[in-house]
Amino acid sequence: QRIIGRFIVDFYCASARLVIELDGSQHYEPQGLAYDAERSQFLMSLGLEILRFSNRDIDRDFRGVCTQIDLIIRKRLQGPLSHLR
């Protein structure tokens, strides 16, 4: 976990400017949805991309989730601003 501003994110890859969130059932309740929207808006204002996976995604297709994360990281590391890293 990593603190960014006043928020705690599950996983953070600084070089790819990527946040990865693993969401349990509380994230789909009204209060959780509102909090996540506020947090996402803040994180995106910093130029971060947010990937969200439900616990169900992890349980049913762990390999697919890992593949998706790998693809996004590779894409972001090779993006138009990669020369600035």
PDB file of N, CA and C in Angstrom:
ATOM      1  N   GLN A   1       0.837  -1.181   0.000  1.00  0.00           N
ATOM      2  CA  GLN A   1       0.000   0.000   0.000  1.00  0.00           C
ATOM      3  C   GLN A   1       0.878   1.239   0.000  1.00  0.00           C
ATOM      4  N   ARG A   2       0.299   2.299  -0.510  1.00  0.00           N
ATOM      5  CA  ARG A   2       1.060   3.548  -0.654  1.00  0.00           C
ATOM      6  C   ARG A   2       0.147   4.730  -0.359  1.00  0.00           C
ATOM      7  N   ILE A   3       0.647   5.696   0.361  1.00  0.00           N
ATOM      8  CA  ILE A   3      -0.104   6.925   0.614  1.00  0.00           C
ATOM      9  C   ILE A   3       0.209   7.904  -0.508  1.00  0.00           C
ATOM     10  N   ILE A   4      -0.839   8.410  -1.127  1.00  0.00           N
ATOM     11  CA  ILE A   4      -0.710   9.452  -2.157  1.00  0.00           C
ATOM     12  C   ILE A   4      -1.693  10.547  -1.769  1.00  0.00           C
ATOM     13  N   GLY A   5      -1.153  11.699  -1.399  1.00  0.00           N
ATOM     14  CA  GLY A   5      -2.019  12.754  -0.881  1.00  0.00           C
ATOM     15  C   GLY A   5      -2.641  12.278   0.421  1.00  0.00           C
ATOM     16  N   ARG A   6      -3.953  12.379   0.508  1.00  0.00           N
ATOM     17  CA  ARG A   6      -4.638  11.914   1.721  1.00  0.00           C
ATOM     18  C   ARG A   6      -5.287  10.547   1.529  1.00  0.00           C
ATOM     19  N   PHE A   7      -4.908   9.864   0.457  1.00  0.00           N
ATOM     20  CA  PHE A   7      -5.504   8.579   0.130  1.00  0.00           C
ATOM     21  C   PHE A   7      -4.476   7.452   0.210  1.00  0.00           C
ATOM     22  N   ILE A   8      -4.970   6.259   0.474  1.00  0.00           N
ATOM     23  CA  ILE A   8      -4.129   5.058   0.470  1.00  0.00           C
ATOM     24  C   ILE A   8      -4.565   4.218  -0.723  1.00  0.00           C
ATOM     25  N   VAL A   9      -3.594   3.844  -1.548  1.00  0.00           N
ATOM     26  CA  VAL A   9      -3.887   2.987  -2.691  1.00  0.00           C
ATOM     27  C   VAL A   9      -3.322   1.596  -2.418  1.00  0.00           C
ATOM     28  N   ASP A  10      -3.903   0.604  -3.085  1.00  0.00           N
ATOM     29  CA  ASP A  10      -3.469  -0.769  -2.842  1.00  0.00           C
ATOM     30  C   ASP A  10      -2.069  -1.024  -3.379  1.00  0.00           C
ATOM     31  N   PHE A  11      -1.850  -0.681  -4.645  1.00  0.00           N
ATOM     32  CA  PHE A  11      -0.538  -0.879  -5.279  1.00  0.00           C
ATOM     33  C   PHE A  11      -0.222   0.334  -6.133  1.00  0.00           C
ATOM     34  N   TYR A  12       1.056   0.687  -6.197  1.00  0.00           N
ATOM     35  CA  TYR A  12       1.482   1.852  -6.982  1.00  0.00           C
ATOM     36  C   TYR A  12       2.776   1.523  -7.700  1.00  0.00           C
ATOM     37  N   CYS A  13       2.791   1.755  -9.009  1.00  0.00           N
ATOM     38  CA  CYS A  13       3.988   1.599  -9.822  1.00  0.00           C
ATOM     39  C   CYS A  13       4.391   3.002 -10.283  1.00  0.00           C
ATOM     40  N   ALA A  14       5.378   3.578  -9.610  1.00  0.00           N
ATOM     41  CA  ALA A  14       5.774   4.964  -9.878  1.00  0.00           C
ATOM     42  C   ALA A  14       6.263   5.153 -11.308  1.00  0.00           C
ATOM     43  N   SER A  15       7.060   4.235 -11.810  1.00  0.00           N
ATOM     44  CA  SER A  15       7.633   4.426 -13.145  1.00  0.00           C
ATOM     45  C   SER A  15       6.561   4.428 -14.233  1.00  0.00           C
ATOM     46  N   ALA A  16       5.466   3.706 -14.027  1.00  0.00           N
ATOM     47  CA  ALA A  16       4.377   3.681 -15.007  1.00  0.00           C
ATOM     48  C   ALA A  16       3.251   4.645 -14.622  1.00  0.00           C
ATOM     49  N   ARG A  17       3.405   5.307 -13.475  1.00  0.00           N
ATOM     50  CA  ARG A  17       2.378   6.220 -12.960  1.00  0.00           C
ATOM     51  C   ARG A  17       1.015   5.513 -12.939  1.00  0.00           C
ATOM     52  N   LEU A  18       1.015   4.342 -12.318  1.00  0.00           N
ATOM     53  CA  LEU A  18      -0.140   3.451 -12.326  1.00  0.00           C
ATOM     54  C   LEU A  18      -0.521   3.043 -10.906  1.00  0.00           C
ATOM     55  N   VAL A  19      -1.808   3.156 -10.619  1.00  0.00           N
ATOM     56  CA  VAL A  19      -2.383   2.695  -9.361  1.00  0.00           C
ATOM     57  C   VAL A  19      -3.225   1.469  -9.675  1.00  0.00           C
ATOM     58  N   ILE A  20      -3.087   0.438  -8.854  1.00  0.00           N
ATOM     59  CA  ILE A  20      -3.877  -0.779  -9.015  1.00  0.00           C
ATOM     60  C   ILE A  20      -4.691  -0.967  -7.747  1.00  0.00           C
ATOM     61  N   GLU A  21      -5.997  -1.065  -7.929  1.00  0.00           N
ATOM     62  CA  GLU A  21      -6.911  -1.223  -6.807  1.00  0.00           C
ATOM     63  C   GLU A  21      -7.599  -2.570  -6.881  1.00  0.00           C
ATOM     64  N   LEU A  22      -7.645  -3.262  -5.755  1.00  0.00           N
ATOM     65  CA  LEU A  22      -8.366  -4.520  -5.624  1.00  0.00           C
ATOM     66  C   LEU A  22      -9.575  -4.238  -4.739  1.00  0.00           C
ATOM     67  N   ASP A  23     -10.754  -4.359  -5.310  1.00  0.00           N
ATOM     68  CA  ASP A  23     -11.967  -3.905  -4.648  1.00  0.00           C
ATOM     69  C   ASP A  23     -12.811  -5.036  -4.093  1.00  0.00           C
ATOM     70  N   GLY A  24     -13.056  -4.969  -2.797  1.00  0.00           N
ATOM     71  CA  GLY A  24     -13.987  -5.869  -2.145  1.00  0.00           C
ATOM     72  C   GLY A  24     -15.401  -5.318  -2.246  1.00  0.00           C
ATOM     73  N   SER A  25     -16.339  -5.997  -1.649  1.00  0.00           N
ATOM     74  CA  SER A  25     -17.751  -5.643  -1.781  1.00  0.00           C
ATOM     75  C   SER A  25     -18.085  -4.243  -1.273  1.00  0.00           C
ATOM     76  N   GLN A  26     -17.351  -3.746  -0.281  1.00  0.00           N
ATOM     77  CA  GLN A  26     -17.634  -2.411   0.258  1.00  0.00           C
ATOM     78  C   GLN A  26     -17.455  -1.311  -0.782  1.00  0.00           C
ATOM     79  N   HIS A  27     -16.694  -1.572  -1.807  1.00  0.00           N
ATOM     80  CA  HIS A  27     -16.464  -0.567  -2.855  1.00  0.00           C
ATOM     81  C   HIS A  27     -17.681  -0.390  -3.757  1.00  0.00           C
ATOM     82  N   TYR A  28     -18.642  -1.291  -3.676  1.00  0.00           N
ATOM     83  CA  TYR A  28     -19.821  -1.241  -4.539  1.00  0.00           C
ATOM     84  C   TYR A  28     -21.052  -0.744  -3.798  1.00  0.00           C
ATOM     85  N   GLU A  29     -20.878  -0.325  -2.563  1.00  0.00           N
ATOM     86  CA  GLU A  29     -21.954   0.290  -1.789  1.00  0.00           C
ATOM     87  C   GLU A  29     -21.880   1.798  -2.009  1.00  0.00           C
ATOM     88  N   PRO A  30     -22.997   2.533  -1.804  1.00  0.00           N
ATOM     89  CA  PRO A  30     -23.013   3.980  -2.099  1.00  0.00           C
ATOM     90  C   PRO A  30     -21.857   4.763  -1.486  1.00  0.00           C
ATOM     91  N   GLN A  31     -21.548   4.520  -0.229  1.00  0.00           N
ATOM     92  CA  GLN A  31     -20.456   5.258   0.417  1.00  0.00           C
ATOM     93  C   GLN A  31     -19.111   4.914  -0.221  1.00  0.00           C
ATOM     94  N   GLY A  32     -18.889   3.654  -0.518  1.00  0.00           N
ATOM     95  CA  GLY A  32     -17.645   3.234  -1.157  1.00  0.00           C
ATOM     96  C   GLY A  32     -17.501   3.791  -2.557  1.00  0.00           C
ATOM     97  N   LEU A  33     -18.605   3.808  -3.306  1.00  0.00           N
ATOM     98  CA  LEU A  33     -18.574   4.361  -4.665  1.00  0.00           C
ATOM     99  C   LEU A  33     -18.237   5.851  -4.640  1.00  0.00           C
ATOM    100  N   ALA A  34     -18.815   6.584  -3.696  1.00  0.00           N
ATOM    101  CA  ALA A  34     -18.547   8.022  -3.596  1.00  0.00           C
ATOM    102  C   ALA A  34     -17.086   8.277  -3.226  1.00  0.00           C
ATOM    103  N   TYR A  35     -16.577   7.530  -2.264  1.00  0.00           N
ATOM    104  CA  TYR A  35     -15.186   7.688  -1.848  1.00  0.00           C
ATOM    105  C   TYR A  35     -14.238   7.357  -2.998  1.00  0.00           C
ATOM    106  N   ASP A  36     -14.512   6.256  -3.688  1.00  0.00           N
ATOM    107  CA  ASP A  36     -13.656   5.859  -4.810  1.00  0.00           C
ATOM    108  C   ASP A  36     -13.670   6.893  -5.921  1.00  0.00           C
ATOM    109  N   ALA A  37     -14.832   7.507  -6.181  1.00  0.00           N
ATOM    110  CA  ALA A  37     -14.922   8.539  -7.221  1.00  0.00           C
ATOM    111  C   ALA A  37     -14.060   9.746  -6.852  1.00  0.00           C
ATOM    112  N   GLU A  38     -14.132  10.158  -5.589  1.00  0.00           N
ATOM    113  CA  GLU A  38     -13.326  11.294  -5.124  1.00  0.00           C
ATOM    114  C   GLU A  38     -11.836  10.966  -5.218  1.00  0.00           C
ATOM    115  N   ARG A  39     -11.475   9.781  -4.773  1.00  0.00           N
ATOM    116  CA  ARG A  39     -10.071   9.372  -4.806  1.00  0.00           C
ATOM    117  C   ARG A  39      -9.576   9.273  -6.244  1.00  0.00           C
ATOM    118  N   SER A  40     -10.374   8.670  -7.120  1.00  0.00           N
ATOM    119  CA  SER A  40      -9.982   8.529  -8.531  1.00  0.00           C
ATOM    120  C   SER A  40      -9.773   9.888  -9.180  1.00  0.00           C
ATOM    121  N   GLN A  41     -10.672  10.820  -8.912  1.00  0.00           N
ATOM    122  CA  GLN A  41     -10.540  12.166  -9.487  1.00  0.00           C
ATOM    123  C   GLN A  41      -9.226  12.808  -9.046  1.00  0.00           C
ATOM    124  N   PHE A  42      -8.898  12.688  -7.773  1.00  0.00           N
ATOM    125  CA  PHE A  42      -7.644  13.246  -7.263  1.00  0.00           C
ATOM    126  C   PHE A  42      -6.437  12.584  -7.927  1.00  0.00           C
ATOM    127  N   LEU A  43      -6.435  11.259  -7.969  1.00  0.00           N
ATOM    128  CA  LEU A  43      -5.297  10.533  -8.534  1.00  0.00           C
ATOM    129  C   LEU A  43      -5.124  10.844 -10.024  1.00  0.00           C
ATOM    130  N   MET A  44      -6.215  10.920 -10.756  1.00  0.00           N
ATOM    131  CA  MET A  44      -6.124  11.250 -12.190  1.00  0.00           C
ATOM    132  C   MET A  44      -5.629  12.676 -12.395  1.00  0.00           C
ATOM    133  N   SER A  45      -5.931  13.576 -11.451  1.00  0.00           N
ATOM    134  CA  SER A  45      -5.429  14.955 -11.575  1.00  0.00           C
ATOM    135  C   SER A  45      -3.908  14.998 -11.457  1.00  0.00           C
ATOM    136  N   LEU A  46      -3.318  13.944 -10.899  1.00  0.00           N
ATOM    137  CA  LEU A  46      -1.860  13.834 -10.791  1.00  0.00           C
ATOM    138  C   LEU A  46      -1.256  13.113 -11.993  1.00  0.00           C
ATOM    139  N   GLY A  47      -2.098  12.756 -12.956  1.00  0.00           N
ATOM    140  CA  GLY A  47      -1.617  12.060 -14.143  1.00  0.00           C
ATOM    141  C   GLY A  47      -1.473  10.561 -13.947  1.00  0.00           C
ATOM    142  N   LEU A  48      -2.105  10.027 -12.921  1.00  0.00           N
ATOM    143  CA  LEU A  48      -2.034   8.599 -12.660  1.00  0.00           C
ATOM    144  C   LEU A  48      -3.184   7.879 -13.345  1.00  0.00           C
ATOM    145  N   GLU A  49      -2.914   6.688 -13.816  1.00  0.00           N
ATOM    146  CA  GLU A  49      -3.965   5.821 -14.341  1.00  0.00           C
ATOM    147  C   GLU A  49      -4.348   4.854 -13.234  1.00  0.00           C
ATOM    148  N   ILE A  50      -5.628   4.519 -13.161  1.00  0.00           N
ATOM    149  CA  ILE A  50      -6.110   3.621 -12.124  1.00  0.00           C
ATOM    150  C   ILE A  50      -6.713   2.387 -12.770  1.00  0.00           C
ATOM    151  N   LEU A  51      -6.203   1.235 -12.381  1.00  0.00           N
ATOM    152  CA  LEU A  51      -6.784  -0.041 -12.791  1.00  0.00           C
ATOM    153  C   LEU A  51      -7.521  -0.612 -11.596  1.00  0.00           C
ATOM    154  N   ARG A  52      -8.760  -1.041 -11.813  1.00  0.00           N
ATOM    155  CA  ARG A  52      -9.558  -1.619 -10.728  1.00  0.00           C
ATOM    156  C   ARG A  52      -9.923  -3.048 -11.069  1.00  0.00           C
ATOM    157  N   PHE A  53      -9.765  -3.899 -10.081  1.00  0.00           N
ATOM    158  CA  PHE A  53     -10.171  -5.294 -10.212  1.00  0.00           C
ATOM    159  C   PHE A  53     -10.966  -5.661  -8.967  1.00  0.00           C
ATOM    160  N   SER A  54     -12.023  -6.393  -9.164  1.00  0.00           N
ATOM    161  CA  SER A  54     -12.778  -6.877  -8.010  1.00  0.00           C
ATOM    162  C   SER A  54     -12.074  -8.110  -7.447  1.00  0.00           C
ATOM    163  N   ASN A  55     -12.364  -8.393  -6.202  1.00  0.00           N
ATOM    164  CA  ASN A  55     -11.822  -9.621  -5.613  1.00  0.00           C
ATOM    165  C   ASN A  55     -12.278 -10.827  -6.422  1.00  0.00           C
ATOM    166  N   ARG A  56     -13.460 -10.734  -6.979  1.00  0.00           N
ATOM    167  CA  ARG A  56     -13.989 -11.812  -7.817  1.00  0.00           C
ATOM    168  C   ARG A  56     -13.124 -12.005  -9.067  1.00  0.00           C
ATOM    169  N   ASP A  57     -12.697 -10.890  -9.684  1.00  0.00           N
ATOM    170  CA  ASP A  57     -11.792 -10.976 -10.845  1.00  0.00           C
ATOM    171  C   ASP A  57     -10.525 -11.743 -10.476  1.00  0.00           C
ATOM    172  N   ILE A  58      -9.976 -11.421  -9.324  1.00  0.00           N
ATOM    173  CA  ILE A  58      -8.740 -12.055  -8.865  1.00  0.00           C
ATOM    174  C   ILE A  58      -8.966 -13.552  -8.652  1.00  0.00           C
ATOM    175  N   ASP A  59     -10.071 -13.877  -8.000  1.00  0.00           N
ATOM    176  CA  ASP A  59     -10.364 -15.284  -7.704  1.00  0.00           C
ATOM    177  C   ASP A  59     -10.622 -16.104  -8.962  1.00  0.00           C
ATOM    178  N   ARG A  60     -11.301 -15.516  -9.936  1.00  0.00           N
ATOM    179  CA  ARG A  60     -11.710 -16.275 -11.126  1.00  0.00           C
ATOM    180  C   ARG A  60     -10.696 -16.271 -12.256  1.00  0.00           C
ATOM    181  N   ASP A  61      -9.879 -15.199 -12.336  1.00  0.00           N
ATOM    182  CA  ASP A  61      -8.969 -15.100 -13.477  1.00  0.00           C
ATOM    183  C   ASP A  61      -7.686 -14.376 -13.083  1.00  0.00           C
ATOM    184  N   PHE A  62      -6.989 -14.921 -12.119  1.00  0.00           N
ATOM    185  CA  PHE A  62      -5.762 -14.283 -11.627  1.00  0.00           C
ATOM    186  C   PHE A  62      -4.754 -14.060 -12.750  1.00  0.00           C
ATOM    187  N   ARG A  63      -4.566 -15.069 -13.582  1.00  0.00           N
ATOM    188  CA  ARG A  63      -3.603 -14.949 -14.680  1.00  0.00           C
ATOM    189  C   ARG A  63      -4.012 -13.834 -15.653  1.00  0.00           C
ATOM    190  N   GLY A  64      -5.288 -13.735 -15.954  1.00  0.00           N
ATOM    191  CA  GLY A  64      -5.775 -12.691 -16.852  1.00  0.00           C
ATOM    192  C   GLY A  64      -5.572 -11.300 -16.261  1.00  0.00           C
ATOM    193  N   VAL A  65      -5.800 -11.166 -14.961  1.00  0.00           N
ATOM    194  CA  VAL A  65      -5.576  -9.884 -14.290  1.00  0.00           C
ATOM    195  C   VAL A  65      -4.095  -9.511 -14.379  1.00  0.00           C
ATOM    196  N   CYS A  66      -3.227 -10.460 -14.100  1.00  0.00           N
ATOM    197  CA  CYS A  66      -1.783 -10.199 -14.178  1.00  0.00           C
ATOM    198  C   CYS A  66      -1.358  -9.816 -15.588  1.00  0.00           C
ATOM    199  N   THR A  67      -1.925 -10.482 -16.582  1.00  0.00           N
ATOM    200  CA  THR A  67      -1.614 -10.171 -17.978  1.00  0.00           C
ATOM    201  C   THR A  67      -2.047  -8.748 -18.316  1.00  0.00           C
ATOM    202  N   GLN A  68      -3.246  -8.370 -17.870  1.00  0.00           N
ATOM    203  CA  GLN A  68      -3.736  -7.019 -18.136  1.00  0.00           C
ATOM    204  C   GLN A  68      -2.846  -5.972 -17.469  1.00  0.00           C
ATOM    205  N   ILE A  69      -2.445  -6.207 -16.249  1.00  0.00           N
ATOM    206  CA  ILE A  69      -1.549  -5.276 -15.545  1.00  0.00           C
ATOM    207  C   ILE A  69      -0.230  -5.152 -16.304  1.00  0.00           C
ATOM    208  N   ASP A  70       0.324  -6.267 -16.718  1.00  0.00           N
ATOM    209  CA  ASP A  70       1.591  -6.260 -17.454  1.00  0.00           C
ATOM    210  C   ASP A  70       1.467  -5.452 -18.749  1.00  0.00           C
ATOM    211  N   LEU A  71       0.391  -5.660 -19.480  1.00  0.00           N
ATOM    212  CA  LEU A  71       0.196  -4.931 -20.743  1.00  0.00           C
ATOM    213  C   LEU A  71       0.087  -3.426 -20.517  1.00  0.00           C
ATOM    214  N   ILE A  72      -0.652  -3.023 -19.501  1.00  0.00           N
ATOM    215  CA  ILE A  72      -0.817  -1.592 -19.220  1.00  0.00           C
ATOM    216  C   ILE A  72       0.515  -0.975 -18.788  1.00  0.00           C
ATOM    217  N   ILE A  73       1.255  -1.667 -17.954  1.00  0.00           N
ATOM    218  CA  ILE A  73       2.561  -1.139 -17.521  1.00  0.00           C
ATOM    219  C   ILE A  73       3.483  -0.981 -18.725  1.00  0.00           C
ATOM    220  N   ARG A  74       3.550  -1.994 -19.572  1.00  0.00           N
ATOM    221  CA  ARG A  74       4.414  -1.899 -20.759  1.00  0.00           C
ATOM    222  C   ARG A  74       3.992  -0.741 -21.651  1.00  0.00           C
ATOM    223  N   LYS A  75       2.687  -0.570 -21.851  1.00  0.00           N
ATOM    224  CA  LYS A  75       2.174   0.524 -22.681  1.00  0.00           C
ATOM    225  C   LYS A  75       2.543   1.877 -22.084  1.00  0.00           C
ATOM    226  N   ARG A  76       2.371   2.025 -20.777  1.00  0.00           N
ATOM    227  CA  ARG A  76       2.656   3.310 -20.132  1.00  0.00           C
ATOM    228  C   ARG A  76       4.153   3.608 -20.109  1.00  0.00           C
ATOM    229  N   LEU A  77       4.978   2.586 -19.997  1.00  0.00           N
ATOM    230  CA  LEU A  77       6.425   2.817 -20.003  1.00  0.00           C
ATOM    231  C   LEU A  77       6.942   3.174 -21.392  1.00  0.00           C
ATOM    232  N   GLN A  78       6.212   2.793 -22.428  1.00  0.00           N
ATOM    233  CA  GLN A  78       6.619   3.090 -23.800  1.00  0.00           C
ATOM    234  C   GLN A  78       5.830   4.249 -24.389  1.00  0.00           C
ATOM    235  N   GLY A  79       5.046   4.941 -23.561  1.00  0.00           N
ATOM    236  CA  GLY A  79       4.179   6.012 -24.032  1.00  0.00           C
ATOM    237  C   GLY A  79       4.944   7.236 -24.478  1.00  0.00           C
ATOM    238  N   PRO A  80       4.223   8.277 -24.876  1.00  0.00           N
ATOM    239  CA  PRO A  80       4.846   9.483 -25.449  1.00  0.00           C
ATOM    240  C   PRO A  80       5.755  10.241 -24.485  1.00  0.00           C
ATOM    241  N   LEU A  81       5.588  10.050 -23.180  1.00  0.00           N
ATOM    242  CA  LEU A  81       6.441  10.756 -22.225  1.00  0.00           C
ATOM    243  C   LEU A  81       7.531   9.865 -21.643  1.00  0.00           C
ATOM    244  N   SER A  82       7.691   8.664 -22.196  1.00  0.00           N
ATOM    245  CA  SER A  82       8.653   7.710 -21.637  1.00  0.00           C
ATOM    246  C   SER A  82      10.088   8.249 -21.667  1.00  0.00           C
ATOM    247  N   HIS A  83      10.397   9.125 -22.598  1.00  0.00           N
ATOM    248  CA  HIS A  83      11.760   9.676 -22.685  1.00  0.00           C
ATOM    249  C   HIS A  83      12.078  10.591 -21.500  1.00  0.00           C
ATOM    250  N   LEU A  84      11.059  11.013 -20.744  1.00  0.00           N
ATOM    251  CA  LEU A  84      11.274  11.899 -19.606  1.00  0.00           C
ATOM    252  C   LEU A  84      11.603  11.143 -18.328  1.00  0.00           C
ATOM    253  N   ARG A  85      11.515   9.840 -18.333  1.00  0.00           N
ATOM    254  CA  ARG A  85      11.752   9.045 -17.126  1.00  0.00           C
ATOM    255  C   ARG A  85      13.232   8.866 -16.872  1.00  0.00           C
TER     256      ARG A  85
END
